[in-house]
Amino acid sequence: MRIGWGITGSGHLLLETVEEMERIASKYEIYGFLSRAGERVVRVYGLWSRIQSLLQDRMVREEEQAPAFPLACRFSTGSWRALVVSPASANTVAKVVHGIADTLLTNAIAQAGKGGVPVIIVPTDLRAGKLRTRLPYSLDLSLCGCVECPPAKKCPAGAIKFSGQRSSLDLTKCEGCGLCLEACPRGAITFGKEIEIYVRPLDAENARKLRGIPNVTVLDSPHRISEVLHQLEEKIAP
C-alpha cells in the first residue's frame, strides 16, 4: 500500500516515528513529506541519514514544493492510500483544525480530506499538563572556559562559534553529526538531555478537535500507526 508520511518540526516523538517508519518500510511504500521545520529538526536530531536511507528518492521537501505544493495536491486524486503525520506539532494541528492549508503538510491534509484519503495524526501536544521530552544537542555555558574550542574546530557545519573563551551553538546550522560531543573536553555539550515542558490547554484542545474531522484518526503514539494502517488495508482489500 502506497502511503504518504508527513514529518513536522517537533523533536518530541521523532525518534519513535523514524523507528516505526523503518519497522514497516518492507510492507508499505512510504513517501516522506517533510516541512521546512521538519527537515531541520530531523537533521538536528542526527536522523537525516536514516531518513534518506529509508526514503531514498521518495522524499517530498517543502523547500522544493512551495508555494503551490503540487505533489500535495495528488492526495485529492488518490495517488496515496493514506496519509500519516507523525510527529504533528502544535502549530500544524492548530492550522488543521482552523482550516488553514498554507504549508506542505497542512495542504496535504486538506487535499487528503477532499480526496477521501484516510489521515492518521500523532499530535505531540495531546494532553494538557507536564510532559517529558528530550533536547537535541545543547551547550551548557557554565562549563565553557577553554582557551580554544575543540568542538568549534571540529564542527563541519560551522554551527559552533567561539569568541572570548565562550562558545555558542547555532541549531539552525547543526547537522547532528555528534563530532562536537566527542571533541568537548569539559562535557559542556550534551545530546538527548531530558527536560520537562508544559502542554498548554489550548494546544490539547486543538488536538481534541482533530477527532471531529471526518476521515482523521488521532493516535497517542507512533507505534500504533501500523495497527491502524493494517485496519485500513483490510477495508480497501478487494
C-alpha atoms as a PDB file:
ATOM      1  CA  MET A   1       0.000   0.000   0.000  1.00  0.00           C
ATOM      2  CA  ARG A   2       1.378   3.384  -1.039  1.00  0.00           C
ATOM      3  CA  ILE A   3       1.238   5.919   1.796  1.00  0.00           C
ATOM      4  CA  GLY A   4       2.414   9.460   2.423  1.00  0.00           C
ATOM      5  CA  TRP A   5       4.175  10.226   5.700  1.00  0.00           C
ATOM      6  CA  GLY A   6       4.491  13.789   6.920  1.00  0.00           C
ATOM      7  CA  ILE A   7       7.060  14.976   9.459  1.00  0.00           C
ATOM      8  CA  THR A   8       6.665  18.396  11.062  1.00  0.00           C
ATOM      9  CA  GLY A   9       9.012  20.481  13.191  1.00  0.00           C
ATOM     10  CA  SER A  10       8.907  18.686  16.517  1.00  0.00           C
ATOM     11  CA  GLY A  11      11.654  16.701  18.205  1.00  0.00           C
ATOM     12  CA  HIS A  12       9.182  15.036  20.576  1.00  0.00           C
ATOM     13  CA  LEU A  13       8.210  11.556  19.289  1.00  0.00           C
ATOM     14  CA  LEU A  14      10.577  11.995  16.337  1.00  0.00           C
ATOM     15  CA  LEU A  15      12.874   9.058  17.106  1.00  0.00           C
ATOM     16  CA  GLU A  16       9.857   6.828  17.770  1.00  0.00           C
ATOM     17  CA  THR A  17       8.431   7.965  14.432  1.00  0.00           C
ATOM     18  CA  VAL A  18      11.577   7.070  12.496  1.00  0.00           C
ATOM     19  CA  GLU A  19      11.729   3.694  14.249  1.00  0.00           C
ATOM     20  CA  GLU A  20       8.147   2.974  13.226  1.00  0.00           C
ATOM     21  CA  MET A  21       8.812   4.021   9.638  1.00  0.00           C
ATOM     22  CA  GLU A  22      11.798   1.662   9.490  1.00  0.00           C
ATOM     23  CA  ARG A  23       9.786  -1.158  11.035  1.00  0.00           C
ATOM     24  CA  ILE A  24       7.005  -1.067   8.449  1.00  0.00           C
ATOM     25  CA  ALA A  25       9.031   0.025   5.396  1.00  0.00           C
ATOM     26  CA  SER A  26       9.125  -3.509   3.980  1.00  0.00           C
ATOM     27  CA  LYS A  27       5.331  -3.675   3.959  1.00  0.00           C
ATOM     28  CA  TYR A  28       4.345  -0.203   2.732  1.00  0.00           C
ATOM     29  CA  GLU A  29       5.707   2.052   0.016  1.00  0.00           C
ATOM     30  CA  ILE A  30       6.385   5.192   2.066  1.00  0.00           C
ATOM     31  CA  TYR A  31       6.695   8.659   0.552  1.00  0.00           C
ATOM     32  CA  GLY A  32       8.033  11.208   3.017  1.00  0.00           C
ATOM     33  CA  PHE A  33       6.646  14.744   3.166  1.00  0.00           C
ATOM     34  CA  LEU A  34       8.954  16.999   5.188  1.00  0.00           C
ATOM     35  CA  SER A  35       8.039  20.519   6.214  1.00  0.00           C
ATOM     36  CA  ARG A  36      10.882  23.039   6.359  1.00  0.00           C
ATOM     37  CA  ALA A  37      10.886  22.845  10.143  1.00  0.00           C
ATOM     38  CA  GLY A  38      10.552  19.056   9.998  1.00  0.00           C
ATOM     39  CA  GLU A  39      13.651  18.715   7.841  1.00  0.00           C
ATOM     40  CA  ARG A  40      15.659  20.985  10.156  1.00  0.00           C
ATOM     41  CA  VAL A  41      14.631  19.041  13.251  1.00  0.00           C
ATOM     42  CA  VAL A  42      15.415  15.703  11.601  1.00  0.00           C
ATOM     43  CA  ARG A  43      18.908  16.999  10.852  1.00  0.00           C
ATOM     44  CA  VAL A  44      19.475  18.444  14.346  1.00  0.00           C
ATOM     45  CA  TYR A  45      18.500  15.151  15.966  1.00  0.00           C
ATOM     46  CA  GLY A  46      21.006  13.293  13.764  1.00  0.00           C
ATOM     47  CA  LEU A  47      18.329  11.306  11.900  1.00  0.00           C
ATOM     48  CA  TRP A  48      18.787  12.691   8.396  1.00  0.00           C
ATOM     49  CA  SER A  49      20.894   9.784   7.120  1.00  0.00           C
ATOM     50  CA  ARG A  50      18.321   7.272   8.403  1.00  0.00           C
ATOM     51  CA  ILE A  51      15.504   9.159   6.674  1.00  0.00           C
ATOM     52  CA  GLN A  52      17.483   9.356   3.433  1.00  0.00           C
ATOM     53  CA  SER A  53      18.311   5.650   3.553  1.00  0.00           C
ATOM     54  CA  LEU A  54      14.684   4.795   4.230  1.00  0.00           C
ATOM     55  CA  LEU A  55      13.005   7.037   1.658  1.00  0.00           C
ATOM     56  CA  GLN A  56      15.746   7.425  -0.994  1.00  0.00           C
ATOM     57  CA  ASP A  57      14.065   9.223  -3.909  1.00  0.00           C
ATOM     58  CA  ARG A  58      10.604   9.098  -2.314  1.00  0.00           C
ATOM     59  CA  MET A  59      11.051  12.329  -0.382  1.00  0.00           C
ATOM     60  CA  VAL A  60       8.965  15.477  -0.876  1.00  0.00           C
ATOM     61  CA  ARG A  61      10.541  18.556   0.716  1.00  0.00           C
ATOM     62  CA  GLU A  62       8.610  21.735   1.418  1.00  0.00           C
ATOM     63  CA  GLU A  63      11.676  23.714   0.352  1.00  0.00           C
ATOM     64  CA  GLU A  64      11.246  22.353  -3.166  1.00  0.00           C
ATOM     65  CA  GLN A  65       7.436  22.396  -3.354  1.00  0.00           C
ATOM     66  CA  ALA A  66       6.483  25.859  -2.086  1.00  0.00           C
ATOM     67  CA  PRO A  67       4.399  27.854  -2.652  1.00  0.00           C
ATOM     68  CA  ALA A  68       1.930  25.729  -4.682  1.00  0.00           C
ATOM     69  CA  PHE A  69       2.716  22.283  -3.160  1.00  0.00           C
ATOM     70  CA  PRO A  70       1.832  20.416  -6.390  1.00  0.00           C
ATOM     71  CA  LEU A  71       2.607  16.932  -5.051  1.00  0.00           C
ATOM     72  CA  ALA A  72       0.401  17.512  -2.005  1.00  0.00           C
ATOM     73  CA  CYS A  73      -2.472  18.102  -4.393  1.00  0.00           C
ATOM     74  CA  ARG A  74      -2.214  14.488  -5.553  1.00  0.00           C
ATOM     75  CA  PHE A  75      -3.815  13.343  -2.311  1.00  0.00           C
ATOM     76  CA  SER A  76      -7.113  14.626  -3.687  1.00  0.00           C
ATOM     77  CA  THR A  77      -6.757  12.278  -6.676  1.00  0.00           C
ATOM     78  CA  GLY A  78      -5.952   9.154  -4.660  1.00  0.00           C
ATOM     79  CA  SER A  79      -2.263   8.821  -5.553  1.00  0.00           C
ATOM     80  CA  TRP A  80      -1.681   7.659  -1.968  1.00  0.00           C
ATOM     81  CA  ARG A  81      -3.993   5.371   0.001  1.00  0.00           C
ATOM     82  CA  ALA A  82      -3.335   7.035   3.360  1.00  0.00           C
ATOM     83  CA  LEU A  83      -1.532   9.993   4.900  1.00  0.00           C
ATOM     84  CA  VAL A  84       0.321   9.709   8.194  1.00  0.00           C
ATOM     85  CA  VAL A  85       1.513  12.844  10.009  1.00  0.00           C
ATOM     86  CA  SER A  86       3.869  11.976  12.844  1.00  0.00           C
ATOM     87  CA  PRO A  87       5.038  13.821  14.768  1.00  0.00           C
ATOM     88  CA  ALA A  88       2.445  16.562  14.285  1.00  0.00           C
ATOM     89  CA  SER A  89       3.477  19.793  16.002  1.00  0.00           C
ATOM     90  CA  ALA A  90       1.020  22.010  17.883  1.00  0.00           C
ATOM     91  CA  ASN A  91       1.390  24.591  15.112  1.00  0.00           C
ATOM     92  CA  THR A  92       0.359  22.113  12.413  1.00  0.00           C
ATOM     93  CA  VAL A  93      -2.563  20.821  14.474  1.00  0.00           C
ATOM     94  CA  ALA A  94      -3.821  24.352  15.154  1.00  0.00           C
ATOM     95  CA  LYS A  95      -3.790  25.179  11.451  1.00  0.00           C
ATOM     96  CA  VAL A  96      -5.598  21.975  10.522  1.00  0.00           C
ATOM     97  CA  VAL A  97      -8.469  22.472  12.966  1.00  0.00           C
ATOM     98  CA  HIS A  98      -8.903  26.058  11.764  1.00  0.00           C
ATOM     99  CA  GLY A  99      -8.888  25.095   8.090  1.00  0.00           C
ATOM    100  CA  ILE A 100      -5.547  26.706   7.230  1.00  0.00           C
ATOM    101  CA  ALA A 101      -3.587  24.977   4.453  1.00  0.00           C
ATOM    102  CA  ASP A 102      -0.546  27.190   3.852  1.00  0.00           C
ATOM    103  CA  THR A 103       2.265  24.651   4.384  1.00  0.00           C
ATOM    104  CA  LEU A 104       3.211  21.381   2.703  1.00  0.00           C
ATOM    105  CA  LEU A 105       1.700  19.268   5.465  1.00  0.00           C
ATOM    106  CA  THR A 106      -1.460  21.260   6.169  1.00  0.00           C
ATOM    107  CA  ASN A 107      -2.099  21.393   2.424  1.00  0.00           C
ATOM    108  CA  ALA A 108      -1.584  17.637   2.126  1.00  0.00           C
ATOM    109  CA  ILE A 109      -4.080  17.038   4.944  1.00  0.00           C
ATOM    110  CA  ALA A 110      -6.613  19.342   3.286  1.00  0.00           C
ATOM    111  CA  GLN A 111      -6.180  17.617  -0.077  1.00  0.00           C
ATOM    112  CA  ALA A 112      -6.485  14.194   1.553  1.00  0.00           C
ATOM    113  CA  GLY A 113      -9.806  15.338   3.007  1.00  0.00           C
ATOM    114  CA  LYS A 114     -11.021  16.364  -0.442  1.00  0.00           C
ATOM    115  CA  GLY A 115      -9.997  13.005  -1.873  1.00  0.00           C
ATOM    116  CA  GLY A 116     -11.445  10.905   0.946  1.00  0.00           C
ATOM    117  CA  VAL A 117      -7.980   9.640   1.842  1.00  0.00           C
ATOM    118  CA  PRO A 118      -7.666   8.467   5.476  1.00  0.00           C
ATOM    119  CA  VAL A 119      -5.375  10.633   7.629  1.00  0.00           C
ATOM    120  CA  ILE A 120      -3.563   9.357  10.728  1.00  0.00           C
ATOM    121  CA  ILE A 121      -2.167  12.063  13.012  1.00  0.00           C
ATOM    122  CA  VAL A 122       0.075  11.713  16.077  1.00  0.00           C
ATOM    123  CA  PRO A 123      -0.004  15.106  17.868  1.00  0.00           C
ATOM    124  CA  THR A 124       2.900  15.993  20.134  1.00  0.00           C
ATOM    125  CA  ASP A 125       0.657  18.084  22.424  1.00  0.00           C
ATOM    126  CA  LEU A 126      -2.157  15.646  23.044  1.00  0.00           C
ATOM    127  CA  ARG A 127      -2.948  16.266  26.700  1.00  0.00           C
ATOM    128  CA  ALA A 128      -2.590  19.388  28.834  1.00  0.00           C
ATOM    129  CA  GLY A 129      -0.046  19.277  31.637  1.00  0.00           C
ATOM    130  CA  LYS A 130       3.535  18.207  32.167  1.00  0.00           C
ATOM    131  CA  LEU A 131       5.413  16.291  29.509  1.00  0.00           C
ATOM    132  CA  ARG A 132       8.932  14.908  29.473  1.00  0.00           C
ATOM    133  CA  THR A 133      10.900  15.168  26.261  1.00  0.00           C
ATOM    134  CA  ARG A 134      14.495  15.176  25.059  1.00  0.00           C
ATOM    135  CA  LEU A 135      16.557  18.007  23.625  1.00  0.00           C
ATOM    136  CA  PRO A 136      18.875  17.779  20.613  1.00  0.00           C
ATOM    137  CA  TYR A 137      22.462  18.983  21.034  1.00  0.00           C
ATOM    138  CA  SER A 138      22.727  21.655  23.715  1.00  0.00           C
ATOM    139  CA  LEU A 139      25.522  23.717  25.234  1.00  0.00           C
ATOM    140  CA  ASP A 140      25.974  24.446  28.939  1.00  0.00           C
ATOM    141  CA  LEU A 141      27.798  27.774  29.022  1.00  0.00           C
ATOM    142  CA  SER A 142      28.633  27.368  32.705  1.00  0.00           C
ATOM    143  CA  LEU A 143      31.040  24.571  31.745  1.00  0.00           C
ATOM    144  CA  CYS A 144      32.800  26.537  28.974  1.00  0.00           C
ATOM    145  CA  GLY A 145      36.224  28.054  29.653  1.00  0.00           C
ATOM    146  CA  CYS A 146      38.774  26.651  27.226  1.00  0.00           C
ATOM    147  CA  VAL A 147      41.385  28.937  25.697  1.00  0.00           C
ATOM    148  CA  GLU A 148      40.425  27.379  22.382  1.00  0.00           C
ATOM    149  CA  CYS A 149      37.250  25.470  21.488  1.00  0.00           C
ATOM    150  CA  PRO A 150      37.898  21.985  20.021  1.00  0.00           C
ATOM    151  CA  PRO A 151      34.200  21.478  19.066  1.00  0.00           C
ATOM    152  CA  ALA A 152      34.244  24.736  17.055  1.00  0.00           C
ATOM    153  CA  LYS A 153      37.219  23.413  15.107  1.00  0.00           C
ATOM    154  CA  LYS A 154      35.625  20.015  14.564  1.00  0.00           C
ATOM    155  CA  CYS A 155      32.117  21.122  13.519  1.00  0.00           C
ATOM    156  CA  PRO A 156      31.881  20.715   9.710  1.00  0.00           C
ATOM    157  CA  ALA A 157      28.673  22.772   9.533  1.00  0.00           C
ATOM    158  CA  GLY A 158      30.025  25.820  11.349  1.00  0.00           C
ATOM    159  CA  ALA A 159      27.281  25.530  13.948  1.00  0.00           C
ATOM    160  CA  ILE A 160      29.653  26.244  16.854  1.00  0.00           C
ATOM    161  CA  LYS A 161      31.304  29.640  17.184  1.00  0.00           C
ATOM    162  CA  PHE A 162      33.993  30.634  19.674  1.00  0.00           C
ATOM    163  CA  SER A 163      34.700  34.143  20.907  1.00  0.00           C
ATOM    164  CA  GLY A 164      36.422  35.351  24.075  1.00  0.00           C
ATOM    165  CA  GLN A 165      36.573  31.967  25.814  1.00  0.00           C
ATOM    166  CA  ARG A 166      32.835  31.491  25.233  1.00  0.00           C
ATOM    167  CA  SER A 167      31.212  29.195  22.680  1.00  0.00           C
ATOM    168  CA  SER A 168      27.773  29.332  21.080  1.00  0.00           C
ATOM    169  CA  LEU A 169      25.728  26.665  19.319  1.00  0.00           C
ATOM    170  CA  ASP A 170      23.542  27.594  16.350  1.00  0.00           C
ATOM    171  CA  LEU A 171      20.915  24.861  15.846  1.00  0.00           C
ATOM    172  CA  THR A 172      19.856  26.388  12.532  1.00  0.00           C
ATOM    173  CA  LYS A 173      23.151  25.067  11.154  1.00  0.00           C
ATOM    174  CA  CYS A 174      23.599  21.885  13.195  1.00  0.00           C
ATOM    175  CA  GLU A 175      23.588  18.652  11.170  1.00  0.00           C
ATOM    176  CA  GLY A 176      23.544  16.338  14.184  1.00  0.00           C
ATOM    177  CA  CYS A 177      26.844  14.598  13.370  1.00  0.00           C
ATOM    178  CA  GLY A 178      27.947  14.408  17.014  1.00  0.00           C
ATOM    179  CA  LEU A 179      31.576  15.422  16.431  1.00  0.00           C
ATOM    180  CA  CYS A 180      31.219  18.304  18.884  1.00  0.00           C
ATOM    181  CA  LEU A 181      30.086  15.906  21.600  1.00  0.00           C
ATOM    182  CA  GLU A 182      33.227  13.835  21.193  1.00  0.00           C
ATOM    183  CA  ALA A 183      35.535  16.857  20.962  1.00  0.00           C
ATOM    184  CA  CYS A 184      34.414  18.828  24.029  1.00  0.00           C
ATOM    185  CA  PRO A 185      36.904  18.213  26.900  1.00  0.00           C
ATOM    186  CA  ARG A 186      34.654  19.783  29.547  1.00  0.00           C
ATOM    187  CA  GLY A 187      31.406  17.943  28.767  1.00  0.00           C
ATOM    188  CA  ALA A 188      29.671  21.224  28.022  1.00  0.00           C
ATOM    189  CA  ILE A 189      27.868  19.755  25.012  1.00  0.00           C
ATOM    190  CA  THR A 190      25.197  17.125  25.570  1.00  0.00           C
ATOM    191  CA  PHE A 191      22.644  15.300  23.440  1.00  0.00           C
ATOM    192  CA  GLY A 192      19.273  13.933  24.482  1.00  0.00           C
ATOM    193  CA  LYS A 193      19.039  15.803  27.767  1.00  0.00           C
ATOM    194  CA  GLU A 194      15.625  15.122  29.291  1.00  0.00           C
ATOM    195  CA  ILE A 195      13.543  18.142  30.260  1.00  0.00           C
ATOM    196  CA  GLU A 196      10.020  18.780  31.492  1.00  0.00           C
ATOM    197  CA  ILE A 197       7.746  21.022  29.456  1.00  0.00           C
ATOM    198  CA  TYR A 198       4.135  22.089  29.830  1.00  0.00           C
ATOM    199  CA  VAL A 199       1.489  21.363  27.201  1.00  0.00           C
ATOM    200  CA  ARG A 200      -0.919  24.289  27.009  1.00  0.00           C
ATOM    201  CA  PRO A 201      -4.654  23.579  27.387  1.00  0.00           C
ATOM    202  CA  LEU A 202      -5.153  25.438  24.090  1.00  0.00           C
ATOM    203  CA  ASP A 203      -2.907  23.004  22.213  1.00  0.00           C
ATOM    204  CA  ALA A 204      -4.512  19.975  23.874  1.00  0.00           C
ATOM    205  CA  GLU A 205      -7.955  21.304  22.933  1.00  0.00           C
ATOM    206  CA  ASN A 206      -6.885  21.664  19.307  1.00  0.00           C
ATOM    207  CA  ALA A 207      -5.666  18.068  19.354  1.00  0.00           C
ATOM    208  CA  ARG A 208      -9.067  17.022  20.702  1.00  0.00           C
ATOM    209  CA  LYS A 209     -10.802  18.871  17.865  1.00  0.00           C
ATOM    210  CA  LEU A 210      -8.886  16.789  15.333  1.00  0.00           C
ATOM    211  CA  ARG A 211     -11.074  13.837  16.279  1.00  0.00           C
ATOM    212  CA  GLY A 212     -14.110  15.687  14.927  1.00  0.00           C
ATOM    213  CA  ILE A 213     -12.673  15.976  11.416  1.00  0.00           C
ATOM    214  CA  PRO A 214     -14.009  13.316   9.020  1.00  0.00           C
ATOM    215  CA  ASN A 215     -11.538  10.613   7.955  1.00  0.00           C
ATOM    216  CA  VAL A 216      -8.970  11.628  10.618  1.00  0.00           C
ATOM    217  CA  THR A 217      -7.653   9.166  13.203  1.00  0.00           C
ATOM    218  CA  VAL A 218      -5.732  10.584  16.169  1.00  0.00           C
ATOM    219  CA  LEU A 219      -3.166   8.401  17.941  1.00  0.00           C
ATOM    220  CA  ASP A 220      -1.113   8.903  21.095  1.00  0.00           C
ATOM    221  CA  SER A 221       1.969   7.035  19.853  1.00  0.00           C
ATOM    222  CA  PRO A 222       3.764   6.412  16.541  1.00  0.00           C
ATOM    223  CA  HIS A 223       3.955   2.734  17.465  1.00  0.00           C
ATOM    224  CA  ARG A 224       0.188   2.378  16.921  1.00  0.00           C
ATOM    225  CA  ILE A 225       0.372   3.530  13.302  1.00  0.00           C
ATOM    226  CA  SER A 226       0.988   0.087  11.810  1.00  0.00           C
ATOM    227  CA  GLU A 227      -2.109  -1.247  13.587  1.00  0.00           C
ATOM    228  CA  VAL A 228      -4.330   1.427  12.014  1.00  0.00           C
ATOM    229  CA  LEU A 229      -2.742   1.009   8.571  1.00  0.00           C
ATOM    230  CA  HIS A 230      -3.448  -2.712   8.778  1.00  0.00           C
ATOM    231  CA  GLN A 231      -7.103  -1.970   9.539  1.00  0.00           C
ATOM    232  CA  LEU A 232      -7.288   0.386   6.564  1.00  0.00           C
ATOM    233  CA  GLU A 233      -5.654  -2.234   4.366  1.00  0.00           C
ATOM    234  CA  GLU A 234      -8.319  -4.759   5.296  1.00  0.00           C
ATOM    235  CA  LYS A 235     -11.102  -2.292   4.463  1.00  0.00           C
ATOM    236  CA  ILE A 236      -9.820  -1.494   0.981  1.00  0.00           C
ATOM    237  CA  ALA A 237      -8.821  -5.052   0.072  1.00  0.00           C
ATOM    238  CA  PRO A 238     -10.849  -6.388  -2.882  1.00  0.00           C
END
